[in-house]
Amino acid sequence: MSNTPVIAAVDGSEHSLRALEWARKEAVRHGCGLLVAHVLPDHAQLYAGRRASLHDASEPQEIPDPVRDWVRSLLGADGPELPEGVAYEALEGSVPEALRVIGSRARMLVMGSRGRGGFASLLLGSSSRAVASTAACPVVVVPHAERGAADTDADTDAEQSAGRVVVGLHAAETPEDVLTFAFTEAAVRGTTVQVVSAYAIPPSPTLVIDSPFAVIPPEGLADEGDGVPAEREMLRSQTERLAPLRERFPDVPVEQAAVPGDPAGRLVIASRAAALVVVGRHHPRRTAMSLAIGSVAHAVLHHAHGPVAVVPTLKDDV
C-alpha cells in the first residue's frame, strides 16, 4: 500500500460533509492517511496577508478558521472510526488551483458536487468541474442528497459498501489507469466490477433505450450464442482487454455489459445501484496537458446518482 493519503476538500457546507464522510471511509478501506483540506475564503486570506505584512506581534498567531473547528468536532474522539493518520491543512489561493497543487501528492481527492457559494439549482459547481478537469490524481465527486439514488432513505454505509463499482470502457481507447483504479476500488470493497460499453445502432421503432441491459459472463460468449453481432463483438473486445486485470485481481468478480445507445446515459442509469462510477478524464487522442474534460465524464459528473471518480491519464505516453 502506498502512503499517499486520501484528501477531502471541505468548506463547511453540507455538500463537503458528505465528501468528508466518503473520504474517511475510503482512507480506512485503503489503510492510508486522511488529509482534510480547506481553501480559506478571500477575507481570511486578506487577513493573513495583512498580518504577515505588518509583523504585528499583538495579532493572534493562528488565523481564525471555523471550518477547522468544525472538522475537529466531527472527527473527535467520540466520532466515527478514523484512519491511522488524520491531518488538516488550510490553503490559500483560488480553490481549483490550491486543490490541484495539493492533489499532486494524493491517492485521490474527494469533494462535493457543489460548494458553499454555489447556486442551489446547479448540478455541478464550477470548482468541482475545474478540479476534476485538471487534477493530477483521481478526483471523486460526491453528489448532494437531491441527486442520490431512488432509495434516498438507505443507510449510507450499506450504500457505499454493498454496491458494485461500475466502469465505462471503450476497449480500444480507455487508459489502463482507469481500469486499474476501478479494480482496486472493487478489491478494497470486496465487491464486483461491472464493465459497461455502449455501441451505436441504427434507429429502430422497437428499440427502447432505457430498457434494462443484460450482463453476460465471458463463458456465455460461445459462437452459438444469440447476441446481436455488435454486442457480441464488443463483449469479446472487453474480454480480451480485461484479461490482464483479471490476472492481477483474481478475487474481484467481473460483470460485462455491452449495451446500445449513449455511453454516458447508460453509466448514469447504472449509477443508481453503484457504490462508485469510474470514468476516464481525457480522450487519449488529446494531449496529456489538455484541460478539456471528455464528454462522457462531463455528462456523468452532472447526472450520476452516486459518487463518480474521474481518473486522469497518469502516463504521458498514452
C-alpha atoms as a PDB file:
ATOM      1  CA  MET A   1       0.000   0.000   0.000  1.00  0.00           C
ATOM      2  CA  SER A   2       1.206   3.472  -0.834  1.00  0.00           C
ATOM      3  CA  ASN A   3       1.463   6.041   1.932  1.00  0.00           C
ATOM      4  CA  THR A   4      -0.227   8.685  -0.216  1.00  0.00           C
ATOM      5  CA  PRO A   5      -3.343   9.988   1.558  1.00  0.00           C
ATOM      6  CA  VAL A   6      -6.934  10.400   0.565  1.00  0.00           C
ATOM      7  CA  ILE A   7      -7.647  14.147   0.532  1.00  0.00           C
ATOM      8  CA  ALA A   8     -11.083  15.520   1.407  1.00  0.00           C
ATOM      9  CA  ALA A   9     -11.769  19.076   0.229  1.00  0.00           C
ATOM     10  CA  VAL A  10     -14.157  20.803   2.645  1.00  0.00           C
ATOM     11  CA  ASP A  11     -15.694  24.251   3.090  1.00  0.00           C
ATOM     12  CA  GLY A  12     -18.139  23.634   5.940  1.00  0.00           C
ATOM     13  CA  SER A  13     -21.140  23.061   3.656  1.00  0.00           C
ATOM     14  CA  GLU A  14     -23.474  20.070   3.735  1.00  0.00           C
ATOM     15  CA  HIS A  15     -22.014  19.024   0.385  1.00  0.00           C
ATOM     16  CA  SER A  16     -18.486  18.894   1.768  1.00  0.00           C
ATOM     17  CA  LEU A  17     -19.714  16.980   4.835  1.00  0.00           C
ATOM     18  CA  ARG A  18     -20.832  14.186   2.508  1.00  0.00           C
ATOM     19  CA  ALA A  19     -17.443  14.296   0.796  1.00  0.00           C
ATOM     20  CA  LEU A  20     -15.592  14.191   4.136  1.00  0.00           C
ATOM     21  CA  GLU A  21     -17.558  11.156   5.285  1.00  0.00           C
ATOM     22  CA  TRP A  22     -16.945   9.359   1.984  1.00  0.00           C
ATOM     23  CA  ALA A  23     -13.219  10.160   2.137  1.00  0.00           C
ATOM     24  CA  ARG A  24     -12.966   8.985   5.765  1.00  0.00           C
ATOM     25  CA  LYS A  25     -14.369   5.568   4.865  1.00  0.00           C
ATOM     26  CA  GLU A  26     -12.148   5.387   1.798  1.00  0.00           C
ATOM     27  CA  ALA A  27      -8.992   6.066   3.815  1.00  0.00           C
ATOM     28  CA  VAL A  28      -9.995   3.364   6.323  1.00  0.00           C
ATOM     29  CA  ARG A  29     -10.534   0.874   3.486  1.00  0.00           C
ATOM     30  CA  HIS A  30      -7.156   1.607   1.933  1.00  0.00           C
ATOM     31  CA  GLY A  31      -5.292   1.744   5.242  1.00  0.00           C
ATOM     32  CA  CYS A  32      -3.878   5.156   4.375  1.00  0.00           C
ATOM     33  CA  GLY A  33      -3.963   8.629   5.893  1.00  0.00           C
ATOM     34  CA  LEU A  34      -6.699  11.228   5.542  1.00  0.00           C
ATOM     35  CA  LEU A  35      -5.829  14.842   4.794  1.00  0.00           C
ATOM     36  CA  VAL A  36      -8.663  17.356   5.185  1.00  0.00           C
ATOM     37  CA  ALA A  37      -8.021  20.441   3.074  1.00  0.00           C
ATOM     38  CA  HIS A  38      -9.837  23.778   3.262  1.00  0.00           C
ATOM     39  CA  VAL A  39      -9.162  26.662   0.901  1.00  0.00           C
ATOM     40  CA  LEU A  40      -9.537  29.762   3.055  1.00  0.00           C
ATOM     41  CA  PRO A  41     -12.141  32.293   1.893  1.00  0.00           C
ATOM     42  CA  ASP A  42     -10.957  35.590   0.467  1.00  0.00           C
ATOM     43  CA  HIS A  43     -11.443  37.576   3.675  1.00  0.00           C
ATOM     44  CA  ALA A  44      -9.305  35.121   5.658  1.00  0.00           C
ATOM     45  CA  GLN A  45      -6.584  35.234   3.022  1.00  0.00           C
ATOM     46  CA  LEU A  46      -6.597  39.051   3.126  1.00  0.00           C
ATOM     47  CA  TYR A  47      -6.310  38.942   6.915  1.00  0.00           C
ATOM     48  CA  ALA A  48      -3.347  36.555   6.684  1.00  0.00           C
ATOM     49  CA  GLY A  49      -1.634  38.829   4.163  1.00  0.00           C
ATOM     50  CA  ARG A  50      -2.194  41.911   6.311  1.00  0.00           C
ATOM     51  CA  ARG A  51      -0.814  40.203   9.423  1.00  0.00           C
ATOM     52  CA  ALA A  52       2.259  38.992   7.550  1.00  0.00           C
ATOM     53  CA  SER A  53       2.982  42.415   6.056  1.00  0.00           C
ATOM     54  CA  LEU A  54       2.604  44.326   9.342  1.00  0.00           C
ATOM     55  CA  HIS A  55       4.503  41.843  11.508  1.00  0.00           C
ATOM     56  CA  ASP A  56       2.251  42.854  14.386  1.00  0.00           C
ATOM     57  CA  ALA A  57       3.141  40.748  17.428  1.00  0.00           C
ATOM     58  CA  SER A  58      -0.194  41.640  19.035  1.00  0.00           C
ATOM     59  CA  GLU A  59      -2.120  39.820  16.301  1.00  0.00           C
ATOM     60  CA  PRO A  60      -3.065  36.183  17.067  1.00  0.00           C
ATOM     61  CA  GLN A  61      -0.683  33.637  15.565  1.00  0.00           C
ATOM     62  CA  GLU A  62      -3.441  31.393  14.244  1.00  0.00           C
ATOM     63  CA  ILE A  63      -5.791  32.554  11.507  1.00  0.00           C
ATOM     64  CA  PRO A  64      -9.437  32.146  12.585  1.00  0.00           C
ATOM     65  CA  ASP A  65     -10.768  29.112  10.717  1.00  0.00           C
ATOM     66  CA  PRO A  66     -14.284  27.950  11.698  1.00  0.00           C
ATOM     67  CA  VAL A  67     -14.038  25.070   9.231  1.00  0.00           C
ATOM     68  CA  ARG A  68     -11.039  23.665  11.123  1.00  0.00           C
ATOM     69  CA  ASP A  69     -13.059  23.691  14.335  1.00  0.00           C
ATOM     70  CA  TRP A  70     -15.982  22.059  12.501  1.00  0.00           C
ATOM     71  CA  VAL A  71     -13.743  19.273  11.226  1.00  0.00           C
ATOM     72  CA  ARG A  72     -12.252  18.697  14.685  1.00  0.00           C
ATOM     73  CA  SER A  73     -15.732  18.351  16.182  1.00  0.00           C
ATOM     74  CA  LEU A  74     -16.754  15.825  13.534  1.00  0.00           C
ATOM     75  CA  LEU A  75     -13.589  13.739  13.783  1.00  0.00           C
ATOM     76  CA  GLY A  76     -13.129  13.918  17.538  1.00  0.00           C
ATOM     77  CA  ALA A  77     -12.566  11.068  19.978  1.00  0.00           C
ATOM     78  CA  ASP A  78     -16.270  10.274  20.133  1.00  0.00           C
ATOM     79  CA  GLY A  79     -16.692  10.342  16.377  1.00  0.00           C
ATOM     80  CA  PRO A  80     -16.576   7.576  13.747  1.00  0.00           C
ATOM     81  CA  GLU A  81     -13.690   5.208  13.007  1.00  0.00           C
ATOM     82  CA  LEU A  82     -10.674   7.103  11.746  1.00  0.00           C
ATOM     83  CA  PRO A  83      -7.698   6.070   9.627  1.00  0.00           C
ATOM     84  CA  GLU A  84      -4.322   5.913  11.349  1.00  0.00           C
ATOM     85  CA  GLY A  85      -3.272   9.398  10.305  1.00  0.00           C
ATOM     86  CA  VAL A  86      -5.578  12.424  10.067  1.00  0.00           C
ATOM     87  CA  ALA A  87      -4.301  15.914   9.262  1.00  0.00           C
ATOM     88  CA  TYR A  88      -5.873  19.276   8.454  1.00  0.00           C
ATOM     89  CA  GLU A  89      -4.408  21.876   6.122  1.00  0.00           C
ATOM     90  CA  ALA A  90      -5.632  25.404   5.359  1.00  0.00           C
ATOM     91  CA  LEU A  91      -4.790  26.518   1.824  1.00  0.00           C
ATOM     92  CA  GLU A  92      -4.524  29.890   0.141  1.00  0.00           C
ATOM     93  CA  GLY A  93      -5.190  30.828  -3.477  1.00  0.00           C
ATOM     94  CA  SER A  94      -8.072  30.009  -5.782  1.00  0.00           C
ATOM     95  CA  VAL A  95      -9.986  26.827  -4.958  1.00  0.00           C
ATOM     96  CA  PRO A  96      -9.189  24.951  -8.207  1.00  0.00           C
ATOM     97  CA  GLU A  97      -5.508  25.863  -8.205  1.00  0.00           C
ATOM     98  CA  ALA A  98      -4.937  25.181  -4.491  1.00  0.00           C
ATOM     99  CA  LEU A  99      -6.622  21.777  -4.728  1.00  0.00           C
ATOM    100  CA  ARG A 100      -4.833  20.945  -7.964  1.00  0.00           C
ATOM    101  CA  VAL A 101      -1.476  21.567  -6.288  1.00  0.00           C
ATOM    102  CA  ILE A 102      -2.224  19.611  -3.129  1.00  0.00           C
ATOM    103  CA  GLY A 103      -3.765  16.805  -5.200  1.00  0.00           C
ATOM    104  CA  SER A 104      -0.380  16.103  -6.777  1.00  0.00           C
ATOM    105  CA  ARG A 105       0.528  14.145  -3.650  1.00  0.00           C
ATOM    106  CA  ALA A 106      -2.820  12.353  -3.164  1.00  0.00           C
ATOM    107  CA  ARG A 107      -4.144   8.862  -3.759  1.00  0.00           C
ATOM    108  CA  MET A 108      -7.376  10.621  -4.685  1.00  0.00           C
ATOM    109  CA  LEU A 109      -9.096  13.924  -3.964  1.00  0.00           C
ATOM    110  CA  VAL A 110     -12.709  13.811  -2.767  1.00  0.00           C
ATOM    111  CA  MET A 111     -15.045  16.788  -2.962  1.00  0.00           C
ATOM    112  CA  GLY A 112     -18.726  17.629  -3.011  1.00  0.00           C
ATOM    113  CA  SER A 113     -20.583  18.382  -6.218  1.00  0.00           C
ATOM    114  CA  ARG A 114     -21.263  21.949  -5.065  1.00  0.00           C
ATOM    115  CA  GLY A 115     -19.575  24.300  -2.649  1.00  0.00           C
ATOM    116  CA  ARG A 116     -20.996  26.733  -0.121  1.00  0.00           C
ATOM    117  CA  GLY A 117     -21.182  29.519  -2.683  1.00  0.00           C
ATOM    118  CA  GLY A 118     -22.943  27.591  -5.461  1.00  0.00           C
ATOM    119  CA  PHE A 119     -26.485  28.228  -6.640  1.00  0.00           C
ATOM    120  CA  ALA A 120     -28.905  25.613  -5.332  1.00  0.00           C
ATOM    121  CA  SER A 121     -30.029  24.789  -8.859  1.00  0.00           C
ATOM    122  CA  LEU A 122     -26.548  23.836 -10.080  1.00  0.00           C
ATOM    123  CA  LEU A 123     -25.963  20.129 -10.714  1.00  0.00           C
ATOM    124  CA  LEU A 124     -22.204  20.581 -10.540  1.00  0.00           C
ATOM    125  CA  GLY A 125     -20.278  23.518  -9.129  1.00  0.00           C
ATOM    126  CA  SER A 126     -17.584  25.311 -11.103  1.00  0.00           C
ATOM    127  CA  SER A 127     -14.830  24.380  -8.633  1.00  0.00           C
ATOM    128  CA  SER A 128     -15.719  20.679  -8.734  1.00  0.00           C
ATOM    129  CA  ARG A 129     -15.709  20.724 -12.516  1.00  0.00           C
ATOM    130  CA  ALA A 130     -12.399  22.617 -12.695  1.00  0.00           C
ATOM    131  CA  VAL A 131     -10.627  20.315 -10.226  1.00  0.00           C
ATOM    132  CA  ALA A 132     -11.947  17.166 -11.924  1.00  0.00           C
ATOM    133  CA  SER A 133     -10.668  18.571 -15.239  1.00  0.00           C
ATOM    134  CA  THR A 134      -7.119  19.414 -14.130  1.00  0.00           C
ATOM    135  CA  ALA A 135      -6.001  17.483 -11.021  1.00  0.00           C
ATOM    136  CA  ALA A 136      -3.083  15.095 -11.382  1.00  0.00           C
ATOM    137  CA  CYS A 137      -4.808  12.480  -9.215  1.00  0.00           C
ATOM    138  CA  PRO A 138      -8.209  10.793  -9.485  1.00  0.00           C
ATOM    139  CA  VAL A 139     -10.993  13.107  -8.318  1.00  0.00           C
ATOM    140  CA  VAL A 140     -14.118  11.670  -6.686  1.00  0.00           C
ATOM    141  CA  VAL A 141     -17.151  13.952  -6.768  1.00  0.00           C
ATOM    142  CA  VAL A 142     -19.835  13.043  -4.221  1.00  0.00           C
ATOM    143  CA  PRO A 143     -23.264  14.355  -5.273  1.00  0.00           C
ATOM    144  CA  HIS A 144     -25.590  16.250  -2.983  1.00  0.00           C
ATOM    145  CA  ALA A 145     -28.542  14.444  -1.422  1.00  0.00           C
ATOM    146  CA  GLU A 146     -31.080  15.530  -4.056  1.00  0.00           C
ATOM    147  CA  ARG A 147     -29.149  13.564  -6.691  1.00  0.00           C
ATOM    148  CA  GLY A 148     -28.970  10.388  -4.623  1.00  0.00           C
ATOM    149  CA  ALA A 149     -30.296   7.060  -5.832  1.00  0.00           C
ATOM    150  CA  ALA A 150     -34.010   6.323  -5.741  1.00  0.00           C
ATOM    151  CA  ASP A 151     -33.818   4.828  -2.250  1.00  0.00           C
ATOM    152  CA  THR A 152     -32.740   8.025  -0.504  1.00  0.00           C
ATOM    153  CA  ASP A 153     -33.561   6.562   2.918  1.00  0.00           C
ATOM    154  CA  ALA A 154     -30.996   3.774   2.533  1.00  0.00           C
ATOM    155  CA  ASP A 155     -28.257   3.568   5.129  1.00  0.00           C
ATOM    156  CA  THR A 156     -25.170   5.334   3.778  1.00  0.00           C
ATOM    157  CA  ASP A 157     -22.758   2.634   5.000  1.00  0.00           C
ATOM    158  CA  ALA A 158     -24.685  -0.032   3.093  1.00  0.00           C
ATOM    159  CA  GLU A 159     -24.958   2.251   0.076  1.00  0.00           C
ATOM    160  CA  GLN A 160     -21.208   2.813  -0.081  1.00  0.00           C
ATOM    161  CA  SER A 161     -20.081  -0.775   0.538  1.00  0.00           C
ATOM    162  CA  ALA A 162     -22.731  -3.059  -0.954  1.00  0.00           C
ATOM    163  CA  GLY A 163     -22.972  -1.601  -4.458  1.00  0.00           C
ATOM    164  CA  ARG A 164     -20.709  -2.613  -7.324  1.00  0.00           C
ATOM    165  CA  VAL A 165     -18.030  -0.482  -8.928  1.00  0.00           C
ATOM    166  CA  VAL A 166     -19.116   0.491 -12.451  1.00  0.00           C
ATOM    167  CA  VAL A 167     -16.524   1.468 -15.051  1.00  0.00           C
ATOM    168  CA  GLY A 168     -17.095   2.754 -18.558  1.00  0.00           C
ATOM    169  CA  LEU A 169     -14.883   1.010 -21.109  1.00  0.00           C
ATOM    170  CA  HIS A 170     -14.026   1.715 -24.714  1.00  0.00           C
ATOM    171  CA  ALA A 171     -11.864  -1.345 -25.354  1.00  0.00           C
ATOM    172  CA  ALA A 172      -9.535   0.416 -27.796  1.00  0.00           C
ATOM    173  CA  GLU A 173      -9.213   3.780 -26.039  1.00  0.00           C
ATOM    174  CA  THR A 174      -9.789   3.653 -22.260  1.00  0.00           C
ATOM    175  CA  PRO A 175      -6.396   4.094 -20.493  1.00  0.00           C
ATOM    176  CA  GLU A 176      -5.135   1.305 -18.237  1.00  0.00           C
ATOM    177  CA  ASP A 177      -5.115   3.729 -15.277  1.00  0.00           C
ATOM    178  CA  VAL A 178      -8.920   3.894 -15.356  1.00  0.00           C
ATOM    179  CA  LEU A 179      -9.343   0.119 -15.221  1.00  0.00           C
ATOM    180  CA  THR A 180      -6.699  -0.300 -12.529  1.00  0.00           C
ATOM    181  CA  PHE A 181      -8.436   2.297 -10.361  1.00  0.00           C
ATOM    182  CA  ALA A 182     -11.816   0.565 -10.775  1.00  0.00           C
ATOM    183  CA  PHE A 183     -10.468  -2.901  -9.953  1.00  0.00           C
ATOM    184  CA  THR A 184      -8.538  -1.573  -6.956  1.00  0.00           C
ATOM    185  CA  GLU A 185     -11.670   0.092  -5.594  1.00  0.00           C
ATOM    186  CA  ALA A 186     -13.682  -3.098  -6.053  1.00  0.00           C
ATOM    187  CA  ALA A 187     -10.955  -5.107  -4.308  1.00  0.00           C
ATOM    188  CA  VAL A 188     -10.892  -2.922  -1.176  1.00  0.00           C
ATOM    189  CA  ARG A 189     -14.698  -3.081  -1.003  1.00  0.00           C
ATOM    190  CA  GLY A 190     -14.950  -6.803  -1.664  1.00  0.00           C
ATOM    191  CA  THR A 191     -17.424  -6.155  -4.458  1.00  0.00           C
ATOM    192  CA  THR A 192     -17.940  -6.653  -8.194  1.00  0.00           C
ATOM    193  CA  VAL A 193     -16.665  -4.593 -11.113  1.00  0.00           C
ATOM    194  CA  GLN A 194     -19.327  -4.046 -13.749  1.00  0.00           C
ATOM    195  CA  VAL A 195     -17.765  -3.072 -17.073  1.00  0.00           C
ATOM    196  CA  VAL A 196     -20.141  -1.137 -19.337  1.00  0.00           C
ATOM    197  CA  SER A 197     -19.506  -0.457 -23.017  1.00  0.00           C
ATOM    198  CA  ALA A 198     -22.003   1.143 -25.392  1.00  0.00           C
ATOM    199  CA  TYR A 199     -22.343   0.702 -29.129  1.00  0.00           C
ATOM    200  CA  ALA A 200     -24.218   2.722 -31.725  1.00  0.00           C
ATOM    201  CA  ILE A 201     -27.002   1.056 -33.704  1.00  0.00           C
ATOM    202  CA  PRO A 202     -29.347   2.305 -36.431  1.00  0.00           C
ATOM    203  CA  PRO A 203     -32.603   3.817 -35.108  1.00  0.00           C
ATOM    204  CA  SER A 204     -35.394   1.309 -34.682  1.00  0.00           C
ATOM    205  CA  PRO A 205     -39.049   1.901 -33.753  1.00  0.00           C
ATOM    206  CA  THR A 206     -38.910  -1.140 -31.477  1.00  0.00           C
ATOM    207  CA  LEU A 207     -35.767  -0.106 -29.570  1.00  0.00           C
ATOM    208  CA  VAL A 208     -36.305   1.026 -26.008  1.00  0.00           C
ATOM    209  CA  ILE A 209     -33.117   2.764 -24.952  1.00  0.00           C
ATOM    210  CA  ASP A 210     -33.985   2.822 -21.250  1.00  0.00           C
ATOM    211  CA  SER A 211     -34.686  -0.912 -21.077  1.00  0.00           C
ATOM    212  CA  PRO A 212     -32.519  -2.912 -18.640  1.00  0.00           C
ATOM    213  CA  PHE A 213     -29.326  -4.242 -20.176  1.00  0.00           C
ATOM    214  CA  ALA A 214     -28.081  -7.792 -19.932  1.00  0.00           C
ATOM    215  CA  VAL A 215     -24.912  -8.736 -18.084  1.00  0.00           C
ATOM    216  CA  ILE A 216     -23.102 -11.636 -19.763  1.00  0.00           C
ATOM    217  CA  PRO A 217     -20.216 -13.627 -18.226  1.00  0.00           C
ATOM    218  CA  PRO A 218     -17.263 -14.498 -20.500  1.00  0.00           C
ATOM    219  CA  GLU A 219     -18.306 -18.157 -20.620  1.00  0.00           C
ATOM    220  CA  GLY A 220     -21.549 -17.040 -22.263  1.00  0.00           C
ATOM    221  CA  LEU A 221     -19.760 -15.841 -25.384  1.00  0.00           C
ATOM    222  CA  ALA A 222     -19.690 -19.144 -27.279  1.00  0.00           C
ATOM    223  CA  ASP A 223     -20.238 -18.926 -31.016  1.00  0.00           C
ATOM    224  CA  GLU A 224     -23.701 -20.422 -30.750  1.00  0.00           C
ATOM    225  CA  GLY A 225     -24.933 -17.585 -28.525  1.00  0.00           C
ATOM    226  CA  ASP A 226     -27.831 -15.413 -29.625  1.00  0.00           C
ATOM    227  CA  GLY A 227     -26.444 -11.888 -29.033  1.00  0.00           C
ATOM    228  CA  VAL A 228     -26.546  -9.332 -31.832  1.00  0.00           C
ATOM    229  CA  PRO A 229     -23.243  -9.126 -33.756  1.00  0.00           C
ATOM    230  CA  ALA A 230     -22.265  -5.661 -32.454  1.00  0.00           C
ATOM    231  CA  GLU A 231     -22.947  -6.715 -28.883  1.00  0.00           C
ATOM    232  CA  ARG A 232     -21.038  -9.970 -29.190  1.00  0.00           C
ATOM    233  CA  GLU A 233     -18.033  -8.306 -30.808  1.00  0.00           C
ATOM    234  CA  MET A 234     -17.928  -5.663 -28.080  1.00  0.00           C
ATOM    235  CA  LEU A 235     -18.110  -8.316 -25.361  1.00  0.00           C
ATOM    236  CA  ARG A 236     -15.242 -10.188 -26.990  1.00  0.00           C
ATOM    237  CA  SER A 237     -13.193  -6.974 -27.105  1.00  0.00           C
ATOM    238  CA  GLN A 238     -13.993  -6.381 -23.440  1.00  0.00           C
ATOM    239  CA  THR A 239     -12.906  -9.893 -22.505  1.00  0.00           C
ATOM    240  CA  GLU A 240      -9.581  -9.506 -24.303  1.00  0.00           C
ATOM    241  CA  ARG A 241      -8.927  -6.098 -22.746  1.00  0.00           C
ATOM    242  CA  LEU A 242      -9.866  -7.260 -19.247  1.00  0.00           C
ATOM    243  CA  ALA A 243      -7.752 -10.435 -19.246  1.00  0.00           C
ATOM    244  CA  PRO A 244      -4.676  -8.772 -17.611  1.00  0.00           C
ATOM    245  CA  LEU A 245      -6.872  -7.159 -14.951  1.00  0.00           C
ATOM    246  CA  ARG A 246      -8.476 -10.500 -14.108  1.00  0.00           C
ATOM    247  CA  GLU A 247      -4.998 -11.949 -13.594  1.00  0.00           C
ATOM    248  CA  ARG A 248      -3.929  -9.059 -11.350  1.00  0.00           C
ATOM    249  CA  PHE A 249      -7.175  -9.083  -9.344  1.00  0.00           C
ATOM    250  CA  PRO A 250      -8.260 -12.754  -9.291  1.00  0.00           C
ATOM    251  CA  ASP A 251     -10.622 -12.253  -6.337  1.00  0.00           C
ATOM    252  CA  VAL A 252     -12.622  -9.433  -7.959  1.00  0.00           C
ATOM    253  CA  PRO A 253     -15.798 -10.702  -9.685  1.00  0.00           C
ATOM    254  CA  VAL A 254     -16.384  -9.127 -13.100  1.00  0.00           C
ATOM    255  CA  GLU A 255     -19.653  -8.474 -14.932  1.00  0.00           C
ATOM    256  CA  GLN A 256     -19.574  -7.423 -18.565  1.00  0.00           C
ATOM    257  CA  ALA A 257     -22.306  -5.430 -20.268  1.00  0.00           C
ATOM    258  CA  ALA A 258     -22.453  -4.303 -23.906  1.00  0.00           C
ATOM    259  CA  VAL A 259     -25.436  -2.035 -24.440  1.00  0.00           C
ATOM    260  CA  PRO A 260     -26.930   0.007 -27.269  1.00  0.00           C
ATOM    261  CA  GLY A 261     -27.116   3.762 -27.060  1.00  0.00           C
ATOM    262  CA  ASP A 262     -25.280   6.594 -25.365  1.00  0.00           C
ATOM    263  CA  PRO A 263     -22.434   5.571 -23.007  1.00  0.00           C
ATOM    264  CA  ALA A 264     -22.971   8.470 -20.596  1.00  0.00           C
ATOM    265  CA  GLY A 265     -26.689   7.740 -20.305  1.00  0.00           C
ATOM    266  CA  ARG A 266     -26.024   4.082 -19.622  1.00  0.00           C
ATOM    267  CA  LEU A 267     -23.489   4.890 -16.916  1.00  0.00           C
ATOM    268  CA  VAL A 268     -25.944   7.278 -15.271  1.00  0.00           C
ATOM    269  CA  ILE A 269     -28.555   4.507 -15.202  1.00  0.00           C
ATOM    270  CA  ALA A 270     -26.015   2.071 -13.739  1.00  0.00           C
ATOM    271  CA  SER A 271     -25.057   4.631 -11.074  1.00  0.00           C
ATOM    272  CA  ARG A 272     -28.379   4.038  -9.278  1.00  0.00           C
ATOM    273  CA  ALA A 273     -27.099   0.716  -7.954  1.00  0.00           C
ATOM    274  CA  ALA A 274     -23.383   1.517  -7.784  1.00  0.00           C
ATOM    275  CA  ALA A 275     -21.075   2.400  -4.917  1.00  0.00           C
ATOM    276  CA  LEU A 276     -18.865   4.227  -7.409  1.00  0.00           C
ATOM    277  CA  VAL A 277     -18.802   5.010 -11.126  1.00  0.00           C
ATOM    278  CA  VAL A 278     -15.348   5.300 -12.701  1.00  0.00           C
ATOM    279  CA  VAL A 279     -14.694   7.213 -15.923  1.00  0.00           C
ATOM    280  CA  GLY A 280     -11.604   8.387 -17.747  1.00  0.00           C
ATOM    281  CA  ARG A 281     -10.995  12.105 -17.965  1.00  0.00           C
ATOM    282  CA  HIS A 282      -9.481  12.719 -21.389  1.00  0.00           C
ATOM    283  CA  HIS A 283      -9.906  11.228 -24.766  1.00  0.00           C
ATOM    284  CA  PRO A 284      -6.485   9.587 -25.341  1.00  0.00           C
ATOM    285  CA  ARG A 285      -6.004  11.353 -28.655  1.00  0.00           C
ATOM    286  CA  ARG A 286      -5.891  14.704 -26.889  1.00  0.00           C
ATOM    287  CA  THR A 287      -2.647  15.941 -25.455  1.00  0.00           C
ATOM    288  CA  ALA A 288      -1.746  14.917 -21.911  1.00  0.00           C
ATOM    289  CA  MET A 289      -1.973  18.544 -20.783  1.00  0.00           C
ATOM    290  CA  SER A 290      -5.413  19.163 -22.292  1.00  0.00           C
ATOM    291  CA  LEU A 291      -7.742  20.963 -19.892  1.00  0.00           C
ATOM    292  CA  ALA A 292     -10.967  19.813 -21.557  1.00  0.00           C
ATOM    293  CA  ILE A 293     -12.796  17.017 -19.775  1.00  0.00           C
ATOM    294  CA  GLY A 294     -14.247  14.312 -22.015  1.00  0.00           C
ATOM    295  CA  SER A 295     -17.925  14.456 -22.973  1.00  0.00           C
ATOM    296  CA  VAL A 296     -18.789  11.195 -21.196  1.00  0.00           C
ATOM    297  CA  ALA A 297     -17.074  12.243 -17.955  1.00  0.00           C
ATOM    298  CA  HIS A 298     -18.735  15.659 -18.178  1.00  0.00           C
ATOM    299  CA  ALA A 299     -22.233  14.190 -18.554  1.00  0.00           C
ATOM    300  CA  VAL A 300     -21.785  11.533 -15.861  1.00  0.00           C
ATOM    301  CA  LEU A 301     -20.461  14.117 -13.385  1.00  0.00           C
ATOM    302  CA  HIS A 302     -23.574  16.225 -13.937  1.00  0.00           C
ATOM    303  CA  HIS A 303     -26.192  13.487 -13.719  1.00  0.00           C
ATOM    304  CA  ALA A 304     -24.938  10.413 -11.825  1.00  0.00           C
ATOM    305  CA  HIS A 305     -26.896   9.349  -8.747  1.00  0.00           C
ATOM    306  CA  GLY A 306     -23.819   8.486  -6.700  1.00  0.00           C
ATOM    307  CA  PRO A 307     -20.091   9.201  -6.391  1.00  0.00           C
ATOM    308  CA  VAL A 308     -18.104   9.494  -9.629  1.00  0.00           C
ATOM    309  CA  ALA A 309     -14.341   9.024  -9.923  1.00  0.00           C
ATOM    310  CA  VAL A 310     -12.717  10.911 -12.797  1.00  0.00           C
ATOM    311  CA  VAL A 311      -9.351   9.287 -13.459  1.00  0.00           C
ATOM    312  CA  PRO A 312      -6.691  11.152 -15.451  1.00  0.00           C
ATOM    313  CA  THR A 313      -4.205   9.502 -17.728  1.00  0.00           C
ATOM    314  CA  LEU A 314      -1.196   9.245 -15.466  1.00  0.00           C
ATOM    315  CA  LYS A 315       1.250   8.293 -18.229  1.00  0.00           C
ATOM    316  CA  ASP A 316       2.377  10.968 -20.686  1.00  0.00           C
ATOM    317  CA  ASP A 317       2.924   8.474 -23.484  1.00  0.00           C
ATOM    318  CA  VAL A 318      -0.711   7.446 -23.897  1.00  0.00           C
END
